[in-house]
Amino acid sequence: MAKAKARHILVKDEKACINLKQQIETGSDFSELAKKHSLCPSGQKGGDLGEFFRGQMVKEFDDIVFSQEVGKTHGPVKTQFGYHLILIDSRKD
Protein backbone atom coordinates (compact mmCIF):
# COMPACT_ATOMS: atom_id res chain seq x y z
CA MET A 1 0.00 0.00 0.00
CA ALA A 2 1.30 3.45 -0.93
CA LYS A 3 2.52 5.60 1.92
CA ALA A 4 4.11 9.02 2.18
CA LYS A 5 5.71 11.43 4.60
CA ALA A 6 4.78 15.08 4.24
CA ARG A 7 4.66 18.48 5.90
CA HIS A 8 2.10 21.18 5.37
CA ILE A 9 1.14 24.73 6.22
CA LEU A 10 -2.58 25.43 6.63
CA VAL A 11 -3.95 28.98 6.30
CA LYS A 12 -7.42 30.49 5.87
CA ASP A 13 -7.07 32.17 2.48
CA GLU A 14 -5.40 31.64 -0.86
CA LYS A 15 -3.59 34.99 -0.83
CA ALA A 16 -1.75 34.10 2.42
CA CYS A 17 -0.91 30.70 0.97
CA ILE A 18 0.59 32.22 -2.19
CA ASN A 19 2.58 34.70 -0.12
CA LEU A 20 4.07 31.91 2.01
CA LYS A 21 4.93 29.87 -1.09
CA GLN A 22 6.81 32.87 -2.52
CA GLN A 23 8.76 33.17 0.76
CA ILE A 24 9.72 29.47 0.56
CA GLU A 25 10.76 29.82 -3.08
CA THR A 26 13.06 32.71 -2.14
CA GLY A 27 14.80 30.77 0.62
CA SER A 28 12.60 30.88 3.74
CA ASP A 29 12.48 27.68 5.78
CA PHE A 30 9.27 25.66 5.36
CA SER A 31 9.30 24.39 8.96
CA GLU A 32 9.84 27.85 10.45
CA LEU A 33 6.97 29.30 8.40
CA ALA A 34 4.74 26.40 9.48
CA LYS A 35 5.52 27.13 13.15
CA LYS A 36 4.62 30.81 12.68
CA HIS A 37 1.62 30.62 10.35
CA SER A 38 -0.03 27.19 10.20
CA LEU A 39 -3.49 26.83 11.74
CA CYS A 40 -2.99 23.08 12.10
CA PRO A 41 -1.63 21.68 15.38
CA SER A 42 1.13 20.06 13.27
CA GLY A 43 2.50 23.57 12.74
CA GLN A 44 4.24 23.34 16.10
CA LYS A 45 6.25 20.44 14.66
CA GLY A 46 7.16 22.39 11.53
CA GLY A 47 4.06 21.11 9.76
CA ASP A 48 5.23 17.49 10.02
CA LEU A 49 2.37 15.03 9.49
CA GLY A 50 4.58 11.95 9.77
CA GLU A 51 3.90 8.92 7.61
CA PHE A 52 0.43 8.11 6.34
CA PHE A 53 -1.20 5.81 3.81
CA ARG A 54 -3.13 6.73 0.68
CA GLY A 55 -6.72 7.42 1.71
CA GLN A 56 -5.98 8.69 5.23
CA MET A 57 -6.07 12.38 4.24
CA VAL A 58 -8.82 14.32 2.51
CA LYS A 59 -8.99 13.62 -1.24
CA GLU A 60 -7.53 16.94 -2.44
CA PHE A 61 -4.52 16.50 -0.13
CA ASP A 62 -4.08 12.83 -1.02
CA ASP A 63 -4.20 13.56 -4.76
CA ILE A 64 -1.22 15.93 -4.48
CA VAL A 65 0.87 13.83 -2.09
CA PHE A 66 0.53 10.66 -4.14
CA SER A 67 1.01 12.16 -7.60
CA GLN A 68 3.32 15.19 -7.45
CA GLU A 69 7.09 15.54 -7.25
CA VAL A 70 8.79 14.62 -3.96
CA GLY A 71 10.90 17.37 -2.36
CA LYS A 72 8.93 20.27 -3.85
CA THR A 73 6.40 22.59 -2.25
CA HIS A 74 2.95 22.22 -3.84
CA GLY A 75 -0.07 24.47 -3.53
CA PRO A 76 -2.18 26.31 -2.78
CA VAL A 77 -4.36 23.23 -2.33
CA LYS A 78 -7.92 24.01 -1.23
CA THR A 79 -9.69 21.61 1.15
CA GLN A 80 -12.58 21.90 3.59
CA PHE A 81 -10.02 23.10 6.17
CA GLY A 82 -8.56 25.98 4.17
CA TYR A 83 -5.54 26.35 1.91
CA HIS A 84 -2.45 24.17 2.20
CA LEU A 85 1.12 24.25 1.06
CA ILE A 86 2.35 20.67 0.95
CA LEU A 87 5.98 19.54 1.03
CA ILE A 88 6.32 15.85 0.19
CA ASP A 89 9.31 14.44 2.07
CA SER A 90 9.09 10.87 0.76
CA ARG A 91 6.75 8.39 -0.89
CA LYS A 92 6.74 4.61 -1.32
CA ASP A 93 4.32 2.94 -3.72
C-alpha atoms as a PDB file:
ATOM      1  CA  MET A   1       0.000   0.000   0.000  1.00  0.00           C
ATOM      2  CA  ALA A   2       1.295   3.452  -0.929  1.00  0.00           C
ATOM      3  CA  LYS A   3       2.515   5.605   1.920  1.00  0.00           C
ATOM      4  CA  ALA A   4       4.109   9.024   2.176  1.00  0.00           C
ATOM      5  CA  LYS A   5       5.712  11.427   4.605  1.00  0.00           C
ATOM      6  CA  ALA A   6       4.778  15.077   4.236  1.00  0.00           C
ATOM      7  CA  ARG A   7       4.661  18.476   5.900  1.00  0.00           C
ATOM      8  CA  HIS A   8       2.095  21.183   5.368  1.00  0.00           C
ATOM      9  CA  ILE A   9       1.143  24.735   6.218  1.00  0.00           C
ATOM     10  CA  LEU A  10      -2.579  25.435   6.625  1.00  0.00           C
ATOM     11  CA  VAL A  11      -3.950  28.983   6.296  1.00  0.00           C
ATOM     12  CA  LYS A  12      -7.417  30.486   5.874  1.00  0.00           C
ATOM     13  CA  ASP A  13      -7.065  32.172   2.480  1.00  0.00           C
ATOM     14  CA  GLU A  14      -5.404  31.643  -0.864  1.00  0.00           C
ATOM     15  CA  LYS A  15      -3.588  34.989  -0.827  1.00  0.00           C
ATOM     16  CA  ALA A  16      -1.753  34.103   2.415  1.00  0.00           C
ATOM     17  CA  CYS A  17      -0.907  30.698   0.968  1.00  0.00           C
ATOM     18  CA  ILE A  18       0.586  32.221  -2.193  1.00  0.00           C
ATOM     19  CA  ASN A  19       2.579  34.698  -0.122  1.00  0.00           C
ATOM     20  CA  LEU A  20       4.074  31.908   2.010  1.00  0.00           C
ATOM     21  CA  LYS A  21       4.928  29.873  -1.091  1.00  0.00           C
ATOM     22  CA  GLN A  22       6.813  32.865  -2.516  1.00  0.00           C
ATOM     23  CA  GLN A  23       8.755  33.171   0.755  1.00  0.00           C
ATOM     24  CA  ILE A  24       9.717  29.474   0.564  1.00  0.00           C
ATOM     25  CA  GLU A  25      10.763  29.820  -3.080  1.00  0.00           C
ATOM     26  CA  THR A  26      13.064  32.707  -2.139  1.00  0.00           C
ATOM     27  CA  GLY A  27      14.799  30.771   0.620  1.00  0.00           C
ATOM     28  CA  SER A  28      12.603  30.879   3.736  1.00  0.00           C
ATOM     29  CA  ASP A  29      12.477  27.679   5.783  1.00  0.00           C
ATOM     30  CA  PHE A  30       9.270  25.656   5.359  1.00  0.00           C
ATOM     31  CA  SER A  31       9.297  24.387   8.957  1.00  0.00           C
ATOM     32  CA  GLU A  32       9.844  27.846  10.449  1.00  0.00           C
ATOM     33  CA  LEU A  33       6.973  29.296   8.395  1.00  0.00           C
ATOM     34  CA  ALA A  34       4.743  26.403   9.482  1.00  0.00           C
ATOM     35  CA  LYS A  35       5.517  27.134  13.147  1.00  0.00           C
ATOM     36  CA  LYS A  36       4.617  30.811  12.682  1.00  0.00           C
ATOM     37  CA  HIS A  37       1.619  30.619  10.349  1.00  0.00           C
ATOM     38  CA  SER A  38      -0.032  27.187  10.202  1.00  0.00           C
ATOM     39  CA  LEU A  39      -3.494  26.833  11.740  1.00  0.00           C
ATOM     40  CA  CYS A  40      -2.993  23.078  12.100  1.00  0.00           C
ATOM     41  CA  PRO A  41      -1.630  21.684  15.379  1.00  0.00           C
ATOM     42  CA  SER A  42       1.131  20.062  13.267  1.00  0.00           C
ATOM     43  CA  GLY A  43       2.501  23.573  12.738  1.00  0.00           C
ATOM     44  CA  GLN A  44       4.236  23.341  16.102  1.00  0.00           C
ATOM     45  CA  LYS A  45       6.248  20.437  14.662  1.00  0.00           C
ATOM     46  CA  GLY A  46       7.158  22.394  11.528  1.00  0.00           C
ATOM     47  CA  GLY A  47       4.064  21.112   9.758  1.00  0.00           C
ATOM     48  CA  ASP A  48       5.228  17.491  10.023  1.00  0.00           C
ATOM     49  CA  LEU A  49       2.372  15.032   9.492  1.00  0.00           C
ATOM     50  CA  GLY A  50       4.578  11.955   9.770  1.00  0.00           C
ATOM     51  CA  GLU A  51       3.901   8.915   7.606  1.00  0.00           C
ATOM     52  CA  PHE A  52       0.434   8.110   6.337  1.00  0.00           C
ATOM     53  CA  PHE A  53      -1.201   5.809   3.805  1.00  0.00           C
ATOM     54  CA  ARG A  54      -3.131   6.730   0.685  1.00  0.00           C
ATOM     55  CA  GLY A  55      -6.724   7.418   1.712  1.00  0.00           C
ATOM     56  CA  GLN A  56      -5.981   8.689   5.228  1.00  0.00           C
ATOM     57  CA  MET A  57      -6.065  12.376   4.242  1.00  0.00           C
ATOM     58  CA  VAL A  58      -8.822  14.324   2.510  1.00  0.00           C
ATOM     59  CA  LYS A  59      -8.988  13.620  -1.240  1.00  0.00           C
ATOM     60  CA  GLU A  60      -7.527  16.944  -2.438  1.00  0.00           C
ATOM     61  CA  PHE A  61      -4.523  16.504  -0.129  1.00  0.00           C
ATOM     62  CA  ASP A  62      -4.080  12.828  -1.022  1.00  0.00           C
ATOM     63  CA  ASP A  63      -4.200  13.555  -4.757  1.00  0.00           C
ATOM     64  CA  ILE A  64      -1.218  15.926  -4.483  1.00  0.00           C
ATOM     65  CA  VAL A  65       0.868  13.831  -2.086  1.00  0.00           C
ATOM     66  CA  PHE A  66       0.528  10.657  -4.142  1.00  0.00           C
ATOM     67  CA  SER A  67       1.013  12.161  -7.602  1.00  0.00           C
ATOM     68  CA  GLN A  68       3.318  15.188  -7.450  1.00  0.00           C
ATOM     69  CA  GLU A  69       7.093  15.544  -7.247  1.00  0.00           C
ATOM     70  CA  VAL A  70       8.789  14.625  -3.959  1.00  0.00           C
ATOM     71  CA  GLY A  71      10.904  17.366  -2.360  1.00  0.00           C
ATOM     72  CA  LYS A  72       8.932  20.265  -3.854  1.00  0.00           C
ATOM     73  CA  THR A  73       6.401  22.595  -2.247  1.00  0.00           C
ATOM     74  CA  HIS A  74       2.950  22.223  -3.845  1.00  0.00           C
ATOM     75  CA  GLY A  75      -0.070  24.466  -3.532  1.00  0.00           C
ATOM     76  CA  PRO A  76      -2.181  26.311  -2.776  1.00  0.00           C
ATOM     77  CA  VAL A  77      -4.364  23.233  -2.334  1.00  0.00           C
ATOM     78  CA  LYS A  78      -7.923  24.006  -1.229  1.00  0.00           C
ATOM     79  CA  THR A  79      -9.689  21.608   1.151  1.00  0.00           C
ATOM     80  CA  GLN A  80     -12.582  21.895   3.594  1.00  0.00           C
ATOM     81  CA  PHE A  81     -10.025  23.098   6.172  1.00  0.00           C
ATOM     82  CA  GLY A  82      -8.561  25.980   4.167  1.00  0.00           C
ATOM     83  CA  TYR A  83      -5.537  26.350   1.906  1.00  0.00           C
ATOM     84  CA  HIS A  84      -2.452  24.167   2.197  1.00  0.00           C
ATOM     85  CA  LEU A  85       1.123  24.252   1.059  1.00  0.00           C
ATOM     86  CA  ILE A  86       2.354  20.673   0.952  1.00  0.00           C
ATOM     87  CA  LEU A  87       5.977  19.536   1.028  1.00  0.00           C
ATOM     88  CA  ILE A  88       6.315  15.853   0.187  1.00  0.00           C
ATOM     89  CA  ASP A  89       9.315  14.441   2.069  1.00  0.00           C
ATOM     90  CA  SER A  90       9.091  10.872   0.763  1.00  0.00           C
ATOM     91  CA  ARG A  91       6.746   8.393  -0.890  1.00  0.00           C
ATOM     92  CA  LYS A  92       6.736   4.606  -1.324  1.00  0.00           C
ATOM     93  CA  ASP A  93       4.323   2.940  -3.724  1.00  0.00           C
END
